[in-house]
Amino acid sequence: MDTLEWAIIGRTILSYIVIVMIFRLMGKREIGELSIIDLVVFLMLAEIAVFSIEDPSSHLLHFIVPMVVLLIIQRSTAFLALKFPKMRDFMEGKPSIIISRGKIDEHEMRKQRYSFSDLQQQLREKGAKSIQDVDFAILETSGELSVFEKKDTADGSSGYVTPLIVDGEIQQEALEKIDKSPSWLRGEMKRHGHPAIDTISYCTLDKDHKWYIDRKDEK
């Protein structure tokens, strides 16, 4: 093999190693759970690697530097999304409730450009026999459909579980869906021995009014 062929082989191996290292630094997430930011970064990394291999005469820094910059962008946006829920919602979107208490939300389906064929297919994939057997169905930001059938779950919760507090922040939209107010939630938290909302990491309520409350940094 000539020098050019060896250069292509070497760049291919180096690109593989660099991309694997960047993926590890980006965090562990399944392919189906990638956010839009993650997906864009992955596509751009692949394109940069291809350009590097196709042009062996270019300097290695011309593709390593952009890859590192993409890693910095991804880590920065992930940090900001963790600290600012509204930014996370803007970048990654919000889950959409397609079926609520056994009723199909056609308006939300049209908004998400989600057809009945899509719904029926994903319900079958989740093992649901028919729509009338479903209590709640939620279209996640990854495009996956989470299905809660009309029966008790194994962990003691019943039906769809509503997240009311996430990382110390009251979820106003979730409260509106169950026709409750923030003052009602604060009262319930005080009754359960949690007067400060910002000390609560995660709080949910299922349809049988069973609470799950987890305090921040609780051992």
C-alpha atoms as a PDB file:
ATOM      1  CA  MET A   1       0.000   0.000   0.000  1.00  0.00           C
ATOM      2  CA  ASP A   2       1.163   3.504  -0.764  1.00  0.00           C
ATOM      3  CA  THR A   3       1.447   6.450   1.623  1.00  0.00           C
ATOM      4  CA  LEU A   4      -2.034   7.767   0.777  1.00  0.00           C
ATOM      5  CA  GLU A   5      -3.717   4.470   1.656  1.00  0.00           C
ATOM      6  CA  TRP A   6      -1.874   4.266   4.961  1.00  0.00           C
ATOM      7  CA  ALA A   7      -2.911   7.852   5.712  1.00  0.00           C
ATOM      8  CA  ILE A   8      -6.569   7.009   5.071  1.00  0.00           C
ATOM      9  CA  ILE A   9      -6.357   3.932   7.337  1.00  0.00           C
ATOM     10  CA  GLY A  10      -4.662   5.948  10.064  1.00  0.00           C
ATOM     11  CA  ARG A  11      -7.245   8.745   9.895  1.00  0.00           C
ATOM     12  CA  THR A  12     -10.092   6.223   9.975  1.00  0.00           C
ATOM     13  CA  ILE A  13      -8.712   4.630  13.149  1.00  0.00           C
ATOM     14  CA  LEU A  14      -8.041   8.011  14.750  1.00  0.00           C
ATOM     15  CA  SER A  15     -11.534   9.273  13.855  1.00  0.00           C
ATOM     16  CA  TYR A  16     -13.048   6.169  15.404  1.00  0.00           C
ATOM     17  CA  ILE A  17     -11.089   6.613  18.634  1.00  0.00           C
ATOM     18  CA  VAL A  18     -11.881  10.334  18.926  1.00  0.00           C
ATOM     19  CA  ILE A  19     -15.616   9.841  18.264  1.00  0.00           C
ATOM     20  CA  VAL A  20     -15.851   6.981  20.788  1.00  0.00           C
ATOM     21  CA  MET A  21     -14.131   9.148  23.423  1.00  0.00           C
ATOM     22  CA  ILE A  22     -16.504  12.055  22.684  1.00  0.00           C
ATOM     23  CA  PHE A  23     -19.549   9.784  22.919  1.00  0.00           C
ATOM     24  CA  ARG A  24     -18.355   8.512  26.305  1.00  0.00           C
ATOM     25  CA  LEU A  25     -17.871  12.086  27.531  1.00  0.00           C
ATOM     26  CA  MET A  26     -21.347  13.065  26.310  1.00  0.00           C
ATOM     27  CA  GLY A  27     -22.947  10.620  28.743  1.00  0.00           C
ATOM     28  CA  LYS A  28     -24.788   7.334  28.560  1.00  0.00           C
ATOM     29  CA  ARG A  29     -28.050   7.573  26.625  1.00  0.00           C
ATOM     30  CA  GLU A  30     -29.793   5.067  24.425  1.00  0.00           C
ATOM     31  CA  ILE A  31     -30.141   5.903  20.729  1.00  0.00           C
ATOM     32  CA  GLY A  32     -33.921   6.155  21.087  1.00  0.00           C
ATOM     33  CA  GLU A  33     -33.541   8.664  23.913  1.00  0.00           C
ATOM     34  CA  LEU A  34     -31.319  11.150  22.088  1.00  0.00           C
ATOM     35  CA  SER A  35     -32.395  14.772  22.247  1.00  0.00           C
ATOM     36  CA  ILE A  36     -32.406  16.978  19.167  1.00  0.00           C
ATOM     37  CA  ILE A  37     -29.119  18.552  20.315  1.00  0.00           C
ATOM     38  CA  ASP A  38     -27.501  15.125  20.729  1.00  0.00           C
ATOM     39  CA  LEU A  39     -28.706  14.005  17.317  1.00  0.00           C
ATOM     40  CA  VAL A  40     -27.384  17.139  15.595  1.00  0.00           C
ATOM     41  CA  VAL A  41     -24.008  16.732  17.314  1.00  0.00           C
ATOM     42  CA  PHE A  42     -23.820  13.063  16.296  1.00  0.00           C
ATOM     43  CA  LEU A  43     -24.585  13.882  12.655  1.00  0.00           C
ATOM     44  CA  MET A  44     -22.029  16.683  12.564  1.00  0.00           C
ATOM     45  CA  LEU A  45     -19.372  14.456  14.134  1.00  0.00           C
ATOM     46  CA  ALA A  46     -19.989  11.856  11.439  1.00  0.00           C
ATOM     47  CA  GLU A  47     -19.718  14.475   8.692  1.00  0.00           C
ATOM     48  CA  ILE A  48     -16.468  15.865  10.102  1.00  0.00           C
ATOM     49  CA  ALA A  49     -15.001  12.362  10.289  1.00  0.00           C
ATOM     50  CA  VAL A  50     -15.949  11.679   6.650  1.00  0.00           C
ATOM     51  CA  PHE A  51     -14.334  14.929   5.469  1.00  0.00           C
ATOM     52  CA  SER A  52     -11.153  14.050   7.347  1.00  0.00           C
ATOM     53  CA  ILE A  53     -10.921  10.615   5.732  1.00  0.00           C
ATOM     54  CA  GLU A  54     -11.758  11.903   2.246  1.00  0.00           C
ATOM     55  CA  ASP A  55      -9.072  14.601   2.421  1.00  0.00           C
ATOM     56  CA  PRO A  56      -5.906  13.014   3.868  1.00  0.00           C
ATOM     57  CA  SER A  57      -3.889  16.123   2.974  1.00  0.00           C
ATOM     58  CA  SER A  58      -5.754  18.294   5.508  1.00  0.00           C
ATOM     59  CA  HIS A  59      -4.247  18.861   8.951  1.00  0.00           C
ATOM     60  CA  LEU A  60      -5.603  16.597  11.714  1.00  0.00           C
ATOM     61  CA  LEU A  61      -6.425  19.613  13.869  1.00  0.00           C
ATOM     62  CA  HIS A  62      -8.895  20.737  11.198  1.00  0.00           C
ATOM     63  CA  PHE A  63     -11.244  17.946  12.276  1.00  0.00           C
ATOM     64  CA  ILE A  64     -10.218  17.355  15.899  1.00  0.00           C
ATOM     65  CA  VAL A  65     -10.868  20.984  16.937  1.00  0.00           C
ATOM     66  CA  PRO A  66     -14.448  21.076  15.517  1.00  0.00           C
ATOM     67  CA  MET A  67     -15.193  17.765  17.265  1.00  0.00           C
ATOM     68  CA  VAL A  68     -14.001  19.160  20.604  1.00  0.00           C
ATOM     69  CA  VAL A  69     -16.074  22.308  20.024  1.00  0.00           C
ATOM     70  CA  LEU A  70     -19.167  20.150  19.409  1.00  0.00           C
ATOM     71  CA  LEU A  71     -18.471  18.275  22.643  1.00  0.00           C
ATOM     72  CA  ILE A  72     -18.258  21.575  24.539  1.00  0.00           C
ATOM     73  CA  ILE A  73     -21.544  22.720  22.971  1.00  0.00           C
ATOM     74  CA  GLN A  74     -23.293  19.477  23.913  1.00  0.00           C
ATOM     75  CA  ARG A  75     -22.015  19.491  27.506  1.00  0.00           C
ATOM     76  CA  SER A  76     -22.879  23.190  27.915  1.00  0.00           C
ATOM     77  CA  THR A  77     -26.428  22.803  26.619  1.00  0.00           C
ATOM     78  CA  ALA A  78     -26.918  19.706  28.808  1.00  0.00           C
ATOM     79  CA  PHE A  79     -25.783  21.689  31.875  1.00  0.00           C
ATOM     80  CA  LEU A  80     -28.048  24.638  31.035  1.00  0.00           C
ATOM     81  CA  ALA A  81     -30.989  22.311  30.406  1.00  0.00           C
ATOM     82  CA  LEU A  82     -30.427  20.748  33.823  1.00  0.00           C
ATOM     83  CA  LYS A  83     -30.394  24.126  35.565  1.00  0.00           C
ATOM     84  CA  PHE A  84     -33.129  25.832  33.553  1.00  0.00           C
ATOM     85  CA  PRO A  85     -36.217  23.647  32.845  1.00  0.00           C
ATOM     86  CA  LYS A  86     -37.665  26.173  30.376  1.00  0.00           C
ATOM     87  CA  MET A  87     -34.503  25.947  28.279  1.00  0.00           C
ATOM     88  CA  ARG A  88     -34.734  22.154  28.394  1.00  0.00           C
ATOM     89  CA  ASP A  89     -38.333  22.319  27.185  1.00  0.00           C
ATOM     90  CA  PHE A  90     -37.289  24.657  24.356  1.00  0.00           C
ATOM     91  CA  MET A  91     -34.381  22.496  23.218  1.00  0.00           C
ATOM     92  CA  GLU A  92     -35.856  19.043  23.745  1.00  0.00           C
ATOM     93  CA  GLY A  93     -39.609  19.675  23.681  1.00  0.00           C
ATOM     94  CA  LYS A  94     -42.200  18.272  26.070  1.00  0.00           C
ATOM     95  CA  PRO A  95     -43.959  14.915  26.228  1.00  0.00           C
ATOM     96  CA  SER A  96     -47.444  15.012  24.727  1.00  0.00           C
ATOM     97  CA  ILE A  97     -50.422  13.225  26.252  1.00  0.00           C
ATOM     98  CA  ILE A  98     -52.154  11.450  23.380  1.00  0.00           C
ATOM     99  CA  ILE A  99     -54.653   9.478  25.482  1.00  0.00           C
ATOM    100  CA  SER A 100     -55.859  10.862  28.805  1.00  0.00           C
ATOM    101  CA  ARG A 101     -58.133   8.797  31.075  1.00  0.00           C
ATOM    102  CA  GLY A 102     -59.103   6.672  28.109  1.00  0.00           C
ATOM    103  CA  LYS A 103     -59.920   9.657  25.854  1.00  0.00           C
ATOM    104  CA  ILE A 104     -57.946  10.397  22.686  1.00  0.00           C
ATOM    105  CA  ASP A 105     -56.706  13.971  22.312  1.00  0.00           C
ATOM    106  CA  GLU A 106     -57.095  14.524  18.564  1.00  0.00           C
ATOM    107  CA  HIS A 107     -55.960  18.151  18.845  1.00  0.00           C
ATOM    108  CA  GLU A 108     -52.623  17.084  20.342  1.00  0.00           C
ATOM    109  CA  MET A 109     -52.257  14.380  17.682  1.00  0.00           C
ATOM    110  CA  ARG A 110     -52.723  16.944  14.916  1.00  0.00           C
ATOM    111  CA  LYS A 111     -50.292  19.293  16.642  1.00  0.00           C
ATOM    112  CA  GLN A 112     -47.634  16.577  16.744  1.00  0.00           C
ATOM    113  CA  ARG A 113     -48.515  15.335  13.213  1.00  0.00           C
ATOM    114  CA  TYR A 114     -49.236  11.971  14.776  1.00  0.00           C
ATOM    115  CA  SER A 115     -51.720   9.751  12.931  1.00  0.00           C
ATOM    116  CA  PHE A 116     -54.062   7.044  14.172  1.00  0.00           C
ATOM    117  CA  SER A 117     -51.953   4.554  12.231  1.00  0.00           C
ATOM    118  CA  ASP A 118     -48.909   5.666  14.256  1.00  0.00           C
ATOM    119  CA  LEU A 119     -50.916   5.362  17.471  1.00  0.00           C
ATOM    120  CA  GLN A 120     -52.243   1.900  16.688  1.00  0.00           C
ATOM    121  CA  GLN A 121     -48.827   0.648  15.602  1.00  0.00           C
ATOM    122  CA  GLN A 122     -47.082   1.852  18.758  1.00  0.00           C
ATOM    123  CA  LEU A 123     -49.867   0.531  20.975  1.00  0.00           C
ATOM    124  CA  ARG A 124     -49.421  -2.901  19.377  1.00  0.00           C
ATOM    125  CA  GLU A 125     -45.664  -2.669  19.926  1.00  0.00           C
ATOM    126  CA  LYS A 126     -46.348  -1.988  23.619  1.00  0.00           C
ATOM    127  CA  GLY A 127     -48.656  -5.004  23.851  1.00  0.00           C
ATOM    128  CA  ALA A 128     -51.910  -3.049  24.213  1.00  0.00           C
ATOM    129  CA  LYS A 129     -54.772  -4.973  22.612  1.00  0.00           C
ATOM    130  CA  SER A 130     -56.895  -1.932  21.826  1.00  0.00           C
ATOM    131  CA  ILE A 131     -57.226   1.784  22.527  1.00  0.00           C
ATOM    132  CA  GLN A 132     -60.072   1.206  24.992  1.00  0.00           C
ATOM    133  CA  ASP A 133     -57.675  -0.778  27.198  1.00  0.00           C
ATOM    134  CA  VAL A 134     -55.408   2.278  27.571  1.00  0.00           C
ATOM    135  CA  ASP A 135     -55.764   4.740  30.433  1.00  0.00           C
ATOM    136  CA  PHE A 136     -52.909   7.068  29.411  1.00  0.00           C
ATOM    137  CA  ALA A 137     -50.567   7.179  26.423  1.00  0.00           C
ATOM    138  CA  ILE A 138     -47.735   9.701  26.308  1.00  0.00           C
ATOM    139  CA  LEU A 139     -45.662  10.550  23.252  1.00  0.00           C
ATOM    140  CA  GLU A 140     -42.166  11.134  24.642  1.00  0.00           C
ATOM    141  CA  THR A 141     -39.710  13.656  23.214  1.00  0.00           C
ATOM    142  CA  SER A 142     -37.770  10.721  21.728  1.00  0.00           C
ATOM    143  CA  GLY A 143     -40.848   9.721  19.680  1.00  0.00           C
ATOM    144  CA  GLU A 144     -41.495   6.638  21.812  1.00  0.00           C
ATOM    145  CA  LEU A 145     -45.016   6.048  23.152  1.00  0.00           C
ATOM    146  CA  SER A 146     -45.345   5.280  26.869  1.00  0.00           C
ATOM    147  CA  VAL A 147     -48.531   3.323  27.553  1.00  0.00           C
ATOM    148  CA  PHE A 148     -50.406   2.902  30.844  1.00  0.00           C
ATOM    149  CA  GLU A 149     -53.174   0.337  30.635  1.00  0.00           C
ATOM    150  CA  LYS A 150     -56.278   0.279  32.817  1.00  0.00           C
ATOM    151  CA  LYS A 151     -54.838  -1.806  35.610  1.00  0.00           C
ATOM    152  CA  ASP A 152     -52.561  -1.430  38.629  1.00  0.00           C
ATOM    153  CA  THR A 153     -48.839  -1.412  38.021  1.00  0.00           C
ATOM    154  CA  ALA A 154     -46.455  -3.767  39.786  1.00  0.00           C
ATOM    155  CA  ASP A 155     -44.753  -1.118  41.920  1.00  0.00           C
ATOM    156  CA  GLY A 156     -47.894  -0.100  43.772  1.00  0.00           C
ATOM    157  CA  SER A 157     -48.786   2.977  41.735  1.00  0.00           C
ATOM    158  CA  SER A 158     -51.994   2.982  39.760  1.00  0.00           C
ATOM    159  CA  GLY A 159     -52.409   4.201  36.195  1.00  0.00           C
ATOM    160  CA  TYR A 160     -50.673   7.335  34.950  1.00  0.00           C
ATOM    161  CA  VAL A 161     -48.369   8.990  37.471  1.00  0.00           C
ATOM    162  CA  THR A 162     -48.409  12.807  37.384  1.00  0.00           C
ATOM    163  CA  PRO A 163     -45.079  14.537  38.142  1.00  0.00           C
ATOM    164  CA  LEU A 164     -46.013  17.582  40.253  1.00  0.00           C
ATOM    165  CA  ILE A 165     -42.534  18.649  41.408  1.00  0.00           C
ATOM    166  CA  VAL A 166     -39.318  18.126  39.448  1.00  0.00           C
ATOM    167  CA  ASP A 167     -35.971  19.289  40.844  1.00  0.00           C
ATOM    168  CA  GLY A 168     -37.639  21.674  43.289  1.00  0.00           C
ATOM    169  CA  GLU A 169     -39.877  23.262  40.646  1.00  0.00           C
ATOM    170  CA  ILE A 170     -43.690  23.040  40.673  1.00  0.00           C
ATOM    171  CA  GLN A 171     -45.010  21.697  37.364  1.00  0.00           C
ATOM    172  CA  GLN A 172     -47.833  24.131  36.634  1.00  0.00           C
ATOM    173  CA  GLU A 173     -49.118  22.310  33.549  1.00  0.00           C
ATOM    174  CA  ALA A 174     -49.332  19.028  35.456  1.00  0.00           C
ATOM    175  CA  LEU A 175     -51.348  20.732  38.206  1.00  0.00           C
ATOM    176  CA  GLU A 176     -53.738  22.182  35.641  1.00  0.00           C
ATOM    177  CA  LYS A 177     -54.358  18.726  34.205  1.00  0.00           C
ATOM    178  CA  ILE A 178     -55.605  17.492  37.593  1.00  0.00           C
ATOM    179  CA  ASP A 179     -57.460  20.764  38.333  1.00  0.00           C
ATOM    180  CA  LYS A 180     -55.268  21.690  41.293  1.00  0.00           C
ATOM    181  CA  SER A 181     -53.377  24.845  42.275  1.00  0.00           C
ATOM    182  CA  PRO A 182     -49.838  25.485  43.561  1.00  0.00           C
ATOM    183  CA  SER A 183     -51.295  26.503  46.947  1.00  0.00           C
ATOM    184  CA  TRP A 184     -53.043  23.115  47.163  1.00  0.00           C
ATOM    185  CA  LEU A 185     -49.756  21.360  46.387  1.00  0.00           C
ATOM    186  CA  ARG A 186     -47.854  23.378  49.010  1.00  0.00           C
ATOM    187  CA  GLY A 187     -50.516  22.474  51.547  1.00  0.00           C
ATOM    188  CA  GLU A 188     -50.200  18.788  50.698  1.00  0.00           C
ATOM    189  CA  MET A 189     -46.434  18.946  50.993  1.00  0.00           C
ATOM    190  CA  LYS A 190     -46.683  20.568  54.431  1.00  0.00           C
ATOM    191  CA  ARG A 191     -49.138  17.868  55.457  1.00  0.00           C
ATOM    192  CA  HIS A 192     -46.575  15.251  54.408  1.00  0.00           C
ATOM    193  CA  GLY A 193     -43.792  17.006  56.322  1.00  0.00           C
ATOM    194  CA  HIS A 194     -42.176  18.882  53.428  1.00  0.00           C
ATOM    195  CA  PRO A 195     -42.813  22.623  53.916  1.00  0.00           C
ATOM    196  CA  ALA A 196     -40.087  23.750  51.475  1.00  0.00           C
ATOM    197  CA  ILE A 197     -40.811  22.880  47.846  1.00  0.00           C
ATOM    198  CA  ASP A 198     -37.233  23.558  46.723  1.00  0.00           C
ATOM    199  CA  THR A 199     -35.952  20.723  48.947  1.00  0.00           C
ATOM    200  CA  ILE A 200     -37.993  18.147  47.000  1.00  0.00           C
ATOM    201  CA  SER A 201     -36.256  16.367  44.149  1.00  0.00           C
ATOM    202  CA  TYR A 202     -39.256  14.559  42.689  1.00  0.00           C
ATOM    203  CA  CYS A 203     -42.917  14.310  43.630  1.00  0.00           C
ATOM    204  CA  THR A 204     -45.665  12.404  41.837  1.00  0.00           C
ATOM    205  CA  LEU A 205     -49.320  11.558  42.382  1.00  0.00           C
ATOM    206  CA  ASP A 206     -51.151   8.648  40.759  1.00  0.00           C
ATOM    207  CA  LYS A 207     -54.841   8.437  39.958  1.00  0.00           C
ATOM    208  CA  ASP A 208     -55.529   6.632  43.254  1.00  0.00           C
ATOM    209  CA  HIS A 209     -53.983   9.601  45.111  1.00  0.00           C
ATOM    210  CA  LYS A 210     -50.857   7.719  46.140  1.00  0.00           C
ATOM    211  CA  TRP A 211     -47.925  10.074  46.694  1.00  0.00           C
ATOM    212  CA  TYR A 212     -44.262   9.535  45.931  1.00  0.00           C
ATOM    213  CA  ILE A 213     -41.959  12.164  47.440  1.00  0.00           C
ATOM    214  CA  ASP A 214     -38.161  12.159  47.180  1.00  0.00           C
ATOM    215  CA  ARG A 215     -36.086  14.822  48.928  1.00  0.00           C
ATOM    216  CA  LYS A 216     -32.922  16.252  47.361  1.00  0.00           C
ATOM    217  CA  ASP A 217     -29.677  14.485  48.294  1.00  0.00           C
ATOM    218  CA  GLU A 218     -31.545  12.133  50.621  1.00  0.00           C
ATOM    219  CA  LYS A 219     -29.559   9.044  51.524  1.00  0.00           C
END
